[in-house]
Amino acid sequence: MQIDIYERILARNPDYVLVLRALGELLALKGRYDRSLEIDRRLVSLAPNDCVARYNLACALAVQGSPRQAIEELGAAMQCGYDDFGHLEIDPDLDSIRHLPAYQELLRQYGIGS
């Protein structure tokens, strides 16, 4: 029901960032990752310096099996100011990339982890 409401709002105003953000998060929670990824890409195109939009895109890419792109977006999120490192370290969306050297190197660059 909420998804339908958000979609109707976006049909009238496709660049409504707050609605896009809410819809993307709701879609991810519902396991609709393809559509969530689409929304997250749109958000980043509308707000390229929004660290949360970039973080959410990184998570969507990790869940969808694009580890290299996920790490790149995570780095971009951090460059834009993302600093909720406690959440980053436990976010299950990033489980698929935690073991990768590029992920571990990114964390070292920001003084996170061991």
PDB file of N, CA and C in Angstrom:
ATOM      1  N   MET A   1       0.819  -1.196   0.000  1.00  0.00           N
ATOM      2  CA  MET A   1       0.000   0.000   0.000  1.00  0.00           C
ATOM      3  C   MET A   1       0.865   1.263   0.000  1.00  0.00           C
ATOM      4  N   GLN A   2       1.841   1.343   0.932  1.00  0.00           N
ATOM      5  CA  GLN A   2       2.715   2.522   0.976  1.00  0.00           C
ATOM      6  C   GLN A   2       3.495   2.667  -0.320  1.00  0.00           C
ATOM      7  N   ILE A   3       3.948   1.554  -0.856  1.00  0.00           N
ATOM      8  CA  ILE A   3       4.711   1.596  -2.103  1.00  0.00           C
ATOM      9  C   ILE A   3       3.860   2.231  -3.195  1.00  0.00           C
ATOM     10  N   ASP A   4       2.608   1.830  -3.290  1.00  0.00           N
ATOM     11  CA  ASP A   4       1.707   2.391  -4.302  1.00  0.00           C
ATOM     12  C   ASP A   4       1.534   3.897  -4.126  1.00  0.00           C
ATOM     13  N   ILE A   5       1.405   4.331  -2.894  1.00  0.00           N
ATOM     14  CA  ILE A   5       1.248   5.762  -2.617  1.00  0.00           C
ATOM     15  C   ILE A   5       2.484   6.523  -3.082  1.00  0.00           C
ATOM     16  N   TYR A   6       3.657   6.021  -2.712  1.00  0.00           N
ATOM     17  CA  TYR A   6       4.896   6.681  -3.125  1.00  0.00           C
ATOM     18  C   TYR A   6       5.035   6.697  -4.648  1.00  0.00           C
ATOM     19  N   GLU A   7       4.684   5.591  -5.277  1.00  0.00           N
ATOM     20  CA  GLU A   7       4.783   5.523  -6.743  1.00  0.00           C
ATOM     21  C   GLU A   7       3.850   6.546  -7.407  1.00  0.00           C
ATOM     22  N   ARG A   8       2.669   6.721  -6.845  1.00  0.00           N
ATOM     23  CA  ARG A   8       1.730   7.717  -7.405  1.00  0.00           C
ATOM     24  C   ARG A   8       2.271   9.135  -7.244  1.00  0.00           C
ATOM     25  N   ILE A   9       2.868   9.410  -6.109  1.00  0.00           N
ATOM     26  CA  ILE A   9       3.468  10.731  -5.894  1.00  0.00           C
ATOM     27  C   ILE A   9       4.590  10.953  -6.910  1.00  0.00           C
ATOM     28  N   LEU A  10       5.408   9.937  -7.117  1.00  0.00           N
ATOM     29  CA  LEU A  10       6.530  10.071  -8.046  1.00  0.00           C
ATOM     30  C   LEU A  10       6.070  10.174  -9.496  1.00  0.00           C
ATOM     31  N   ALA A  11       4.915   9.623  -9.801  1.00  0.00           N
ATOM     32  CA  ALA A  11       4.374   9.761 -11.160  1.00  0.00           C
ATOM     33  C   ALA A  11       4.107  11.234 -11.468  1.00  0.00           C
ATOM     34  N   ARG A  12       3.734  11.985 -10.447  1.00  0.00           N
ATOM     35  CA  ARG A  12       3.474  13.420 -10.617  1.00  0.00           C
ATOM     36  C   ARG A  12       4.733  14.256 -10.462  1.00  0.00           C
ATOM     37  N   ASN A  13       5.640  13.801  -9.601  1.00  0.00           N
ATOM     38  CA  ASN A  13       6.861  14.555  -9.325  1.00  0.00           C
ATOM     39  C   ASN A  13       8.029  13.571  -9.198  1.00  0.00           C
ATOM     40  N   PRO A  14       8.627  13.158 -10.329  1.00  0.00           N
ATOM     41  CA  PRO A  14       9.642  12.096 -10.310  1.00  0.00           C
ATOM     42  C   PRO A  14      10.949  12.461  -9.602  1.00  0.00           C
ATOM     43  N   ASP A  15      11.158  13.732  -9.310  1.00  0.00           N
ATOM     44  CA  ASP A  15      12.396  14.150  -8.644  1.00  0.00           C
ATOM     45  C   ASP A  15      12.210  14.481  -7.168  1.00  0.00           C
ATOM     46  N   TYR A  16      11.155  14.017  -6.573  1.00  0.00           N
ATOM     47  CA  TYR A  16      10.842  14.289  -5.160  1.00  0.00           C
ATOM     48  C   TYR A  16      11.768  13.424  -4.294  1.00  0.00           C
ATOM     49  N   VAL A  17      12.876  14.027  -3.888  1.00  0.00           N
ATOM     50  CA  VAL A  17      13.951  13.302  -3.219  1.00  0.00           C
ATOM     51  C   VAL A  17      13.486  12.606  -1.942  1.00  0.00           C
ATOM     52  N   LEU A  18      12.711  13.274  -1.123  1.00  0.00           N
ATOM     53  CA  LEU A  18      12.269  12.654   0.134  1.00  0.00           C
ATOM     54  C   LEU A  18      11.422  11.410  -0.115  1.00  0.00           C
ATOM     55  N   VAL A  19      10.575  11.468  -1.122  1.00  0.00           N
ATOM     56  CA  VAL A  19       9.743  10.305  -1.449  1.00  0.00           C
ATOM     57  C   VAL A  19      10.602   9.201  -2.063  1.00  0.00           C
ATOM     58  N   LEU A  20      11.544   9.568  -2.910  1.00  0.00           N
ATOM     59  CA  LEU A  20      12.446   8.566  -3.476  1.00  0.00           C
ATOM     60  C   LEU A  20      13.224   7.848  -2.377  1.00  0.00           C
ATOM     61  N   ARG A  21      13.711   8.614  -1.406  1.00  0.00           N
ATOM     62  CA  ARG A  21      14.468   8.011  -0.308  1.00  0.00           C
ATOM     63  C   ARG A  21      13.586   7.034   0.492  1.00  0.00           C
ATOM     64  N   ALA A  22      12.381   7.459   0.825  1.00  0.00           N
ATOM     65  CA  ALA A  22      11.472   6.597   1.590  1.00  0.00           C
ATOM     66  C   ALA A  22      11.104   5.356   0.791  1.00  0.00           C
ATOM     67  N   LEU A  23      10.831   5.533  -0.492  1.00  0.00           N
ATOM     68  CA  LEU A  23      10.466   4.397  -1.338  1.00  0.00           C
ATOM     69  C   LEU A  23      11.633   3.423  -1.473  1.00  0.00           C
ATOM     70  N   GLY A  24      12.829   3.938  -1.687  1.00  0.00           N
ATOM     71  CA  GLY A  24      13.992   3.061  -1.809  1.00  0.00           C
ATOM     72  C   GLY A  24      14.214   2.221  -0.571  1.00  0.00           C
ATOM     73  N   GLU A  25      14.086   2.836   0.593  1.00  0.00           N
ATOM     74  CA  GLU A  25      14.268   2.097   1.846  1.00  0.00           C
ATOM     75  C   GLU A  25      13.166   1.060   2.039  1.00  0.00           C
ATOM     76  N   LEU A  26      11.941   1.431   1.725  1.00  0.00           N
ATOM     77  CA  LEU A  26      10.824   0.500   1.857  1.00  0.00           C
ATOM     78  C   LEU A  26      10.974  -0.686   0.901  1.00  0.00           C
ATOM     79  N   LEU A  27      11.360  -0.420  -0.319  1.00  0.00           N
ATOM     80  CA  LEU A  27      11.555  -1.500  -1.296  1.00  0.00           C
ATOM     81  C   LEU A  27      12.648  -2.459  -0.833  1.00  0.00           C
ATOM     82  N   ALA A  28      13.733  -1.920  -0.296  1.00  0.00           N
ATOM     83  CA  ALA A  28      14.817  -2.775   0.204  1.00  0.00           C
ATOM     84  C   ALA A  28      14.325  -3.638   1.363  1.00  0.00           C
ATOM     85  N   LEU A  29      13.558  -3.047   2.269  1.00  0.00           N
ATOM     86  CA  LEU A  29      13.019  -3.815   3.387  1.00  0.00           C
ATOM     87  C   LEU A  29      12.100  -4.932   2.923  1.00  0.00           C
ATOM     88  N   LYS A  30      11.393  -4.702   1.828  1.00  0.00           N
ATOM     89  CA  LYS A  30      10.471  -5.702   1.276  1.00  0.00           C
ATOM     90  C   LYS A  30      11.189  -6.719   0.385  1.00  0.00           C
ATOM     91  N   GLY A  31      12.505  -6.548   0.202  1.00  0.00           N
ATOM     92  CA  GLY A  31      13.257  -7.480  -0.620  1.00  0.00           C
ATOM     93  C   GLY A  31      13.145  -7.238  -2.118  1.00  0.00           C
ATOM     94  N   ARG A  32      12.653  -6.084  -2.497  1.00  0.00           N
ATOM     95  CA  ARG A  32      12.521  -5.736  -3.922  1.00  0.00           C
ATOM     96  C   ARG A  32      13.769  -4.978  -4.359  1.00  0.00           C
ATOM     97  N   TYR A  33      14.862  -5.706  -4.410  1.00  0.00           N
ATOM     98  CA  TYR A  33      16.179  -5.102  -4.579  1.00  0.00           C
ATOM     99  C   TYR A  33      16.403  -4.489  -5.963  1.00  0.00           C
ATOM    100  N   ASP A  34      15.841  -5.070  -7.013  1.00  0.00           N
ATOM    101  CA  ASP A  34      16.028  -4.489  -8.346  1.00  0.00           C
ATOM    102  C   ASP A  34      15.466  -3.073  -8.396  1.00  0.00           C
ATOM    103  N   ARG A  35      14.253  -2.903  -7.910  1.00  0.00           N
ATOM    104  CA  ARG A  35      13.611  -1.583  -7.930  1.00  0.00           C
ATOM    105  C   ARG A  35      14.300  -0.630  -6.946  1.00  0.00           C
ATOM    106  N   SER A  36      14.718  -1.166  -5.811  1.00  0.00           N
ATOM    107  CA  SER A  36      15.438  -0.356  -4.826  1.00  0.00           C
ATOM    108  C   SER A  36      16.735   0.181  -5.420  1.00  0.00           C
ATOM    109  N   LEU A  37      17.449  -0.653  -6.148  1.00  0.00           N
ATOM    110  CA  LEU A  37      18.689  -0.231  -6.792  1.00  0.00           C
ATOM    111  C   LEU A  37      18.412   0.876  -7.802  1.00  0.00           C
ATOM    112  N   GLU A  38      17.354   0.733  -8.553  1.00  0.00           N
ATOM    113  CA  GLU A  38      16.962   1.759  -9.524  1.00  0.00           C
ATOM    114  C   GLU A  38      16.699   3.103  -8.831  1.00  0.00           C
ATOM    115  N   ILE A  39      15.973   3.044  -7.724  1.00  0.00           N
ATOM    116  CA  ILE A  39      15.660   4.264  -6.961  1.00  0.00           C
ATOM    117  C   ILE A  39      16.943   4.875  -6.392  1.00  0.00           C
ATOM    118  N   ASP A  40      17.828   4.036  -5.837  1.00  0.00           N
ATOM    119  CA  ASP A  40      19.069   4.551  -5.258  1.00  0.00           C
ATOM    120  C   ASP A  40      19.953   5.213  -6.315  1.00  0.00           C
ATOM    121  N   ARG A  41      19.997   4.642  -7.501  1.00  0.00           N
ATOM    122  CA  ARG A  41      20.759   5.272  -8.593  1.00  0.00           C
ATOM    123  C   ARG A  41      20.158   6.639  -8.939  1.00  0.00           C
ATOM    124  N   ARG A  42      18.852   6.703  -8.975  1.00  0.00           N
ATOM    125  CA  ARG A  42      18.172   7.968  -9.284  1.00  0.00           C
ATOM    126  C   ARG A  42      18.483   9.016  -8.219  1.00  0.00           C
ATOM    127  N   LEU A  43      18.433   8.614  -6.956  1.00  0.00           N
ATOM    128  CA  LEU A  43      18.745   9.537  -5.862  1.00  0.00           C
ATOM    129  C   LEU A  43      20.159  10.097  -5.989  1.00  0.00           C
ATOM    130  N   VAL A  44      21.113   9.237  -6.299  1.00  0.00           N
ATOM    131  CA  VAL A  44      22.498   9.699  -6.423  1.00  0.00           C
ATOM    132  C   VAL A  44      22.633  10.639  -7.613  1.00  0.00           C
ATOM    133  N   SER A  45      21.879  10.389  -8.673  1.00  0.00           N
ATOM    134  CA  SER A  45      21.959  11.309  -9.817  1.00  0.00           C
ATOM    135  C   SER A  45      21.361  12.673  -9.468  1.00  0.00           C
ATOM    136  N   LEU A  46      20.346  12.685  -8.617  1.00  0.00           N
ATOM    137  CA  LEU A  46      19.715  13.941  -8.201  1.00  0.00           C
ATOM    138  C   LEU A  46      20.503  14.658  -7.102  1.00  0.00           C
ATOM    139  N   ALA A  47      21.157  13.887  -6.250  1.00  0.00           N
ATOM    140  CA  ALA A  47      21.883  14.463  -5.110  1.00  0.00           C
ATOM    141  C   ALA A  47      23.241  13.771  -4.977  1.00  0.00           C
ATOM    142  N   PRO A  48      24.167  14.058  -5.889  1.00  0.00           N
ATOM    143  CA  PRO A  48      25.434  13.328  -5.918  1.00  0.00           C
ATOM    144  C   PRO A  48      26.319  13.509  -4.686  1.00  0.00           C
ATOM    145  N   ASN A  49      26.088  14.540  -3.909  1.00  0.00           N
ATOM    146  CA  ASN A  49      26.896  14.752  -2.704  1.00  0.00           C
ATOM    147  C   ASN A  49      26.191  14.314  -1.424  1.00  0.00           C
ATOM    148  N   ASP A  50      25.083  13.632  -1.557  1.00  0.00           N
ATOM    149  CA  ASP A  50      24.328  13.133  -0.405  1.00  0.00           C
ATOM    150  C   ASP A  50      24.960  11.814   0.044  1.00  0.00           C
ATOM    151  N   CYS A  51      25.627  11.855   1.181  1.00  0.00           N
ATOM    152  CA  CYS A  51      26.368  10.682   1.644  1.00  0.00           C
ATOM    153  C   CYS A  51      25.453   9.498   1.959  1.00  0.00           C
ATOM    154  N   VAL A  52      24.248   9.755   2.438  1.00  0.00           N
ATOM    155  CA  VAL A  52      23.327   8.658   2.751  1.00  0.00           C
ATOM    156  C   VAL A  52      22.805   8.016   1.465  1.00  0.00           C
ATOM    157  N   ALA A  53      22.524   8.816   0.458  1.00  0.00           N
ATOM    158  CA  ALA A  53      22.093   8.264  -0.831  1.00  0.00           C
ATOM    159  C   ALA A  53      23.192   7.370  -1.405  1.00  0.00           C
ATOM    160  N   ARG A  54      24.426   7.819  -1.318  1.00  0.00           N
ATOM    161  CA  ARG A  54      25.543   7.020  -1.837  1.00  0.00           C
ATOM    162  C   ARG A  54      25.743   5.754  -1.003  1.00  0.00           C
ATOM    163  N   TYR A  55      25.588   5.861   0.315  1.00  0.00           N
ATOM    164  CA  TYR A  55      25.707   4.678   1.174  1.00  0.00           C
ATOM    165  C   TYR A  55      24.618   3.663   0.816  1.00  0.00           C
ATOM    166  N   ASN A  56      23.393   4.135   0.652  1.00  0.00           N
ATOM    167  CA  ASN A  56      22.299   3.234   0.299  1.00  0.00           C
ATOM    168  C   ASN A  56      22.538   2.582  -1.055  1.00  0.00           C
ATOM    169  N   LEU A  57      23.093   3.329  -1.990  1.00  0.00           N
ATOM    170  CA  LEU A  57      23.426   2.744  -3.289  1.00  0.00           C
ATOM    171  C   LEU A  57      24.501   1.674  -3.131  1.00  0.00           C
ATOM    172  N   ALA A  58      25.498   1.934  -2.307  1.00  0.00           N
ATOM    173  CA  ALA A  58      26.542   0.935  -2.051  1.00  0.00           C
ATOM    174  C   ALA A  58      25.929  -0.348  -1.493  1.00  0.00           C
ATOM    175  N   CYS A  59      25.006  -0.200  -0.569  1.00  0.00           N
ATOM    176  CA  CYS A  59      24.340  -1.368   0.014  1.00  0.00           C
ATOM    177  C   CYS A  59      23.540  -2.132  -1.039  1.00  0.00           C
ATOM    178  N   ALA A  60      22.806  -1.401  -1.861  1.00  0.00           N
ATOM    179  CA  ALA A  60      22.004  -2.040  -2.908  1.00  0.00           C
ATOM    180  C   ALA A  60      22.902  -2.791  -3.889  1.00  0.00           C
ATOM    181  N   LEU A  61      24.018  -2.188  -4.252  1.00  0.00           N
ATOM    182  CA  LEU A  61      24.947  -2.844  -5.173  1.00  0.00           C
ATOM    183  C   LEU A  61      25.554  -4.096  -4.548  1.00  0.00           C
ATOM    184  N   ALA A  62      25.888  -4.034  -3.267  1.00  0.00           N
ATOM    185  CA  ALA A  62      26.441  -5.207  -2.583  1.00  0.00           C
ATOM    186  C   ALA A  62      25.427  -6.339  -2.560  1.00  0.00           C
ATOM    187  N   VAL A  63      24.195  -6.023  -2.234  1.00  0.00           N
ATOM    188  CA  VAL A  63      23.130  -7.039  -2.182  1.00  0.00           C
ATOM    189  C   VAL A  63      22.881  -7.637  -3.567  1.00  0.00           C
ATOM    190  N   GLN A  64      23.004  -6.810  -4.596  1.00  0.00           N
ATOM    191  CA  GLN A  64      22.732  -7.253  -5.971  1.00  0.00           C
ATOM    192  C   GLN A  64      23.935  -7.934  -6.626  1.00  0.00           C
ATOM    193  N   GLY A  65      25.042  -8.076  -5.897  1.00  0.00           N
ATOM    194  CA  GLY A  65      26.187  -8.812  -6.432  1.00  0.00           C
ATOM    195  C   GLY A  65      27.123  -8.006  -7.308  1.00  0.00           C
ATOM    196  N   SER A  66      27.273  -6.729  -7.008  1.00  0.00           N
ATOM    197  CA  SER A  66      28.221  -5.866  -7.724  1.00  0.00           C
ATOM    198  C   SER A  66      29.242  -5.325  -6.731  1.00  0.00           C
ATOM    199  N   PRO A  67      30.158  -6.187  -6.285  1.00  0.00           N
ATOM    200  CA  PRO A  67      31.056  -5.796  -5.189  1.00  0.00           C
ATOM    201  C   PRO A  67      31.985  -4.622  -5.517  1.00  0.00           C
ATOM    202  N   ARG A  68      32.552  -4.596  -6.710  1.00  0.00           N
ATOM    203  CA  ARG A  68      33.472  -3.516  -7.060  1.00  0.00           C
ATOM    204  C   ARG A  68      32.746  -2.171  -7.031  1.00  0.00           C
ATOM    205  N   GLN A  69      31.570  -2.126  -7.644  1.00  0.00           N
ATOM    206  CA  GLN A  69      30.792  -0.888  -7.656  1.00  0.00           C
ATOM    207  C   GLN A  69      30.337  -0.516  -6.248  1.00  0.00           C
ATOM    208  N   ALA A  70      29.996  -1.525  -5.440  1.00  0.00           N
ATOM    209  CA  ALA A  70      29.565  -1.259  -4.066  1.00  0.00           C
ATOM    210  C   ALA A  70      30.671  -0.581  -3.274  1.00  0.00           C
ATOM    211  N   ILE A  71      31.885  -1.072  -3.422  1.00  0.00           N
ATOM    212  CA  ILE A  71      33.020  -0.495  -2.689  1.00  0.00           C
ATOM    213  C   ILE A  71      33.313   0.915  -3.198  1.00  0.00           C
ATOM    214  N   GLU A  72      33.204   1.120  -4.503  1.00  0.00           N
ATOM    215  CA  GLU A  72      33.404   2.468  -5.053  1.00  0.00           C
ATOM    216  C   GLU A  72      32.379   3.449  -4.486  1.00  0.00           C
ATOM    217  N   GLU A  73      31.119   3.031  -4.440  1.00  0.00           N
ATOM    218  CA  GLU A  73      30.068   3.912  -3.908  1.00  0.00           C
ATOM    219  C   GLU A  73      30.234   4.127  -2.413  1.00  0.00           C
ATOM    220  N   LEU A  74      30.678   3.102  -1.709  1.00  0.00           N
ATOM    221  CA  LEU A  74      30.926   3.258  -0.272  1.00  0.00           C
ATOM    222  C   LEU A  74      32.036   4.280  -0.049  1.00  0.00           C
ATOM    223  N   GLY A  75      33.079   4.219  -0.865  1.00  0.00           N
ATOM    224  CA  GLY A  75      34.146   5.214  -0.788  1.00  0.00           C
ATOM    225  C   GLY A  75      33.621   6.610  -1.090  1.00  0.00           C
ATOM    226  N   ALA A  76      32.755   6.719  -2.092  1.00  0.00           N
ATOM    227  CA  ALA A  76      32.161   8.021  -2.426  1.00  0.00           C
ATOM    228  C   ALA A  76      31.303   8.533  -1.272  1.00  0.00           C
ATOM    229  N   ALA A  77      30.572   7.631  -0.628  1.00  0.00           N
ATOM    230  CA  ALA A  77      29.747   8.023   0.521  1.00  0.00           C
ATOM    231  C   ALA A  77      30.632   8.598   1.633  1.00  0.00           C
ATOM    232  N   MET A  78      31.747   7.950   1.878  1.00  0.00           N
ATOM    233  CA  MET A  78      32.656   8.423   2.920  1.00  0.00           C
ATOM    234  C   MET A  78      33.290   9.754   2.519  1.00  0.00           C
ATOM    235  N   GLN A  79      33.637   9.901   1.267  1.00  0.00           N
ATOM    236  CA  GLN A  79      34.192  11.170   0.809  1.00  0.00           C
ATOM    237  C   GLN A  79      33.180  12.298   0.963  1.00  0.00           C
ATOM    238  N   CYS A  80      31.897  11.966   0.814  1.00  0.00           N
ATOM    239  CA  CYS A  80      30.835  12.972   0.955  1.00  0.00           C
ATOM    240  C   CYS A  80      30.477  13.231   2.411  1.00  0.00           C
ATOM    241  N   GLY A  81      31.064  12.460   3.326  1.00  0.00           N
ATOM    242  CA  GLY A  81      30.838  12.724   4.742  1.00  0.00           C
ATOM    243  C   GLY A  81      30.146  11.630   5.529  1.00  0.00           C
ATOM    244  N   TYR A  82      29.889  10.479   4.923  1.00  0.00           N
ATOM    245  CA  TYR A  82      29.255   9.402   5.684  1.00  0.00           C
ATOM    246  C   TYR A  82      30.181   8.990   6.819  1.00  0.00           C
ATOM    247  N   ASP A  83      29.658   8.993   8.037  1.00  0.00           N
ATOM    248  CA  ASP A  83      30.509   8.677   9.181  1.00  0.00           C
ATOM    249  C   ASP A  83      29.833   7.813  10.243  1.00  0.00           C
ATOM    250  N   ASP A  84      28.766   7.129   9.878  1.00  0.00           N
ATOM    251  CA  ASP A  84      28.117   6.218  10.823  1.00  0.00           C
ATOM    252  C   ASP A  84      28.816   4.867  10.741  1.00  0.00           C
ATOM    253  N   PHE A  85      30.070   4.845  11.188  1.00  0.00           N
ATOM    254  CA  PHE A  85      30.905   3.671  11.027  1.00  0.00           C
ATOM    255  C   PHE A  85      30.442   2.495  11.880  1.00  0.00           C
ATOM    256  N   GLY A  86      29.801   2.782  13.001  1.00  0.00           N
ATOM    257  CA  GLY A  86      29.243   1.698  13.814  1.00  0.00           C
ATOM    258  C   GLY A  86      28.206   0.915  13.028  1.00  0.00           C
ATOM    259  N   HIS A  87      27.346   1.622  12.317  1.00  0.00           N
ATOM    260  CA  HIS A  87      26.328   0.952  11.498  1.00  0.00           C
ATOM    261  C   HIS A  87      26.976   0.236  10.315  1.00  0.00           C
ATOM    262  N   LEU A  88      27.924   0.892   9.685  1.00  0.00           N
ATOM    263  CA  LEU A  88      28.604   0.305   8.536  1.00  0.00           C
ATOM    264  C   LEU A  88      29.198  -1.057   8.890  1.00  0.00           C
ATOM    265  N   GLU A  89      29.775  -1.171  10.069  1.00  0.00           N
ATOM    266  CA  GLU A  89      30.448  -2.412  10.463  1.00  0.00           C
ATOM    267  C   GLU A  89      29.483  -3.558  10.750  1.00  0.00           C
ATOM    268  N   ILE A  90      28.205  -3.256  10.976  1.00  0.00           N
ATOM    269  CA  ILE A  90      27.246  -4.333  11.271  1.00  0.00           C
ATOM    270  C   ILE A  90      26.128  -4.453  10.241  1.00  0.00           C
ATOM    271  N   ASP A  91      26.094  -3.576   9.268  1.00  0.00           N
ATOM    272  CA  ASP A  91      25.018  -3.574   8.273  1.00  0.00           C
ATOM    273  C   ASP A  91      25.063  -4.878   7.469  1.00  0.00           C
ATOM    274  N   PRO A  92      24.021  -5.690   7.559  1.00  0.00           N
ATOM    275  CA  PRO A  92      24.027  -6.971   6.838  1.00  0.00           C
ATOM    276  C   PRO A  92      24.055  -6.808   5.317  1.00  0.00           C
ATOM    277  N   ASP A  93      23.647  -5.658   4.811  1.00  0.00           N
ATOM    278  CA  ASP A  93      23.693  -5.432   3.364  1.00  0.00           C
ATOM    279  C   ASP A  93      25.120  -5.480   2.827  1.00  0.00           C
ATOM    280  N   LEU A  94      26.085  -5.232   3.672  1.00  0.00           N
ATOM    281  CA  LEU A  94      27.482  -5.209   3.240  1.00  0.00           C
ATOM    282  C   LEU A  94      28.216  -6.523   3.519  1.00  0.00           C
ATOM    283  N   ASP A  95      27.522  -7.516   4.037  1.00  0.00           N
ATOM    284  CA  ASP A  95      28.165  -8.789   4.380  1.00  0.00           C
ATOM    285  C   ASP A  95      28.908  -9.412   3.199  1.00  0.00           C
ATOM    286  N   SER A  96      28.380  -9.251   2.003  1.00  0.00           N
ATOM    287  CA  SER A  96      28.982  -9.905   0.832  1.00  0.00           C
ATOM    288  C   SER A  96      30.312  -9.279   0.399  1.00  0.00           C
ATOM    289  N   ILE A  97      30.646  -8.110   0.939  1.00  0.00           N
ATOM    290  CA  ILE A  97      31.902  -7.463   0.526  1.00  0.00           C
ATOM    291  C   ILE A  97      32.915  -7.317   1.658  1.00  0.00           C
ATOM    292  N   ARG A  98      32.522  -7.657   2.877  1.00  0.00           N
ATOM    293  CA  ARG A  98      33.421  -7.448   4.025  1.00  0.00           C
ATOM    294  C   ARG A  98      34.757  -8.170   3.899  1.00  0.00           C
ATOM    295  N   HIS A  99      34.764  -9.327   3.276  1.00  0.00           N
ATOM    296  CA  HIS A  99      35.981 -10.127   3.170  1.00  0.00           C
ATOM    297  C   HIS A  99      36.933  -9.641   2.075  1.00  0.00           C
ATOM    298  N   LEU A 100      36.484  -8.726   1.247  1.00  0.00           N
ATOM    299  CA  LEU A 100      37.286  -8.288   0.108  1.00  0.00           C
ATOM    300  C   LEU A 100      38.404  -7.325   0.537  1.00  0.00           C
ATOM    301  N   PRO A 101      39.588  -7.514  -0.013  1.00  0.00           N
ATOM    302  CA  PRO A 101      40.698  -6.623   0.334  1.00  0.00           C
ATOM    303  C   PRO A 101      40.386  -5.147   0.062  1.00  0.00           C
ATOM    304  N   ALA A 102      39.683  -4.849  -1.001  1.00  0.00           N
ATOM    305  CA  ALA A 102      39.368  -3.447  -1.323  1.00  0.00           C
ATOM    306  C   ALA A 102      38.475  -2.824  -0.250  1.00  0.00           C
ATOM    307  N   TYR A 103      37.555  -3.595   0.295  1.00  0.00           N
ATOM    308  CA  TYR A 103      36.694  -3.110   1.383  1.00  0.00           C
ATOM    309  C   TYR A 103      37.539  -2.849   2.624  1.00  0.00           C
ATOM    310  N   GLN A 104      38.379  -3.806   2.959  1.00  0.00           N
ATOM    311  CA  GLN A 104      39.223  -3.671   4.144  1.00  0.00           C
ATOM    312  C   GLN A 104      40.186  -2.497   4.004  1.00  0.00           C
ATOM    313  N   GLU A 105      40.699  -2.284   2.799  1.00  0.00           N
ATOM    314  CA  GLU A 105      41.588  -1.145   2.552  1.00  0.00           C
ATOM    315  C   GLU A 105      40.830   0.174   2.708  1.00  0.00           C
ATOM    316  N   LEU A 106      39.612   0.221   2.214  1.00  0.00           N
ATOM    317  CA  LEU A 106      38.797   1.428   2.361  1.00  0.00           C
ATOM    318  C   LEU A 106      38.601   1.759   3.842  1.00  0.00           C
ATOM    319  N   LEU A 107      38.291   0.755   4.639  1.00  0.00           N
ATOM    320  CA  LEU A 107      38.127   0.995   6.075  1.00  0.00           C
ATOM    321  C   LEU A 107      39.426   1.496   6.704  1.00  0.00           C
ATOM    322  N   ARG A 108      40.551   0.908   6.307  1.00  0.00           N
ATOM    323  CA  ARG A 108      41.845   1.363   6.846  1.00  0.00           C
ATOM    324  C   ARG A 108      42.094   2.826   6.494  1.00  0.00           C
ATOM    325  N   GLN A 109      41.736   3.215   5.274  1.00  0.00           N
ATOM    326  CA  GLN A 109      41.939   4.607   4.851  1.00  0.00           C
ATOM    327  C   GLN A 109      41.208   5.587   5.773  1.00  0.00           C
ATOM    328  N   TYR A 110      40.084   5.127   6.336  1.00  0.00           N
ATOM    329  CA  TYR A 110      39.285   5.998   7.206  1.00  0.00           C
ATOM    330  C   TYR A 110      39.490   5.678   8.681  1.00  0.00           C
ATOM    331  N   GLY A 111      40.485   4.828   8.975  1.00  0.00           N
ATOM    332  CA  GLY A 111      40.807   4.507  10.357  1.00  0.00           C
ATOM    333  C   GLY A 111      39.749   3.692  11.070  1.00  0.00           C
ATOM    334  N   ILE A 112      39.075   2.834  10.318  1.00  0.00           N
ATOM    335  CA  ILE A 112      37.992   2.023  10.872  1.00  0.00           C
ATOM    336  C   ILE A 112      38.477   0.584  10.975  1.00  0.00           C
ATOM    337  N   GLY A 113      38.028  -0.072  12.028  1.00  0.00           N
ATOM    338  CA  GLY A 113      38.345  -1.497  12.191  1.00  0.00           C
ATOM    339  C   GLY A 113      39.735  -1.711  12.736  1.00  0.00           C
ATOM    340  N   SER A 114      40.225  -2.925  12.458  1.00  0.00           N
ATOM    341  CA  SER A 114      41.527  -3.307  13.027  1.00  0.00           C
ATOM    342  C   SER A 114      42.689  -2.824  12.220  1.00  0.00           C
TER     343      SER A 114
END
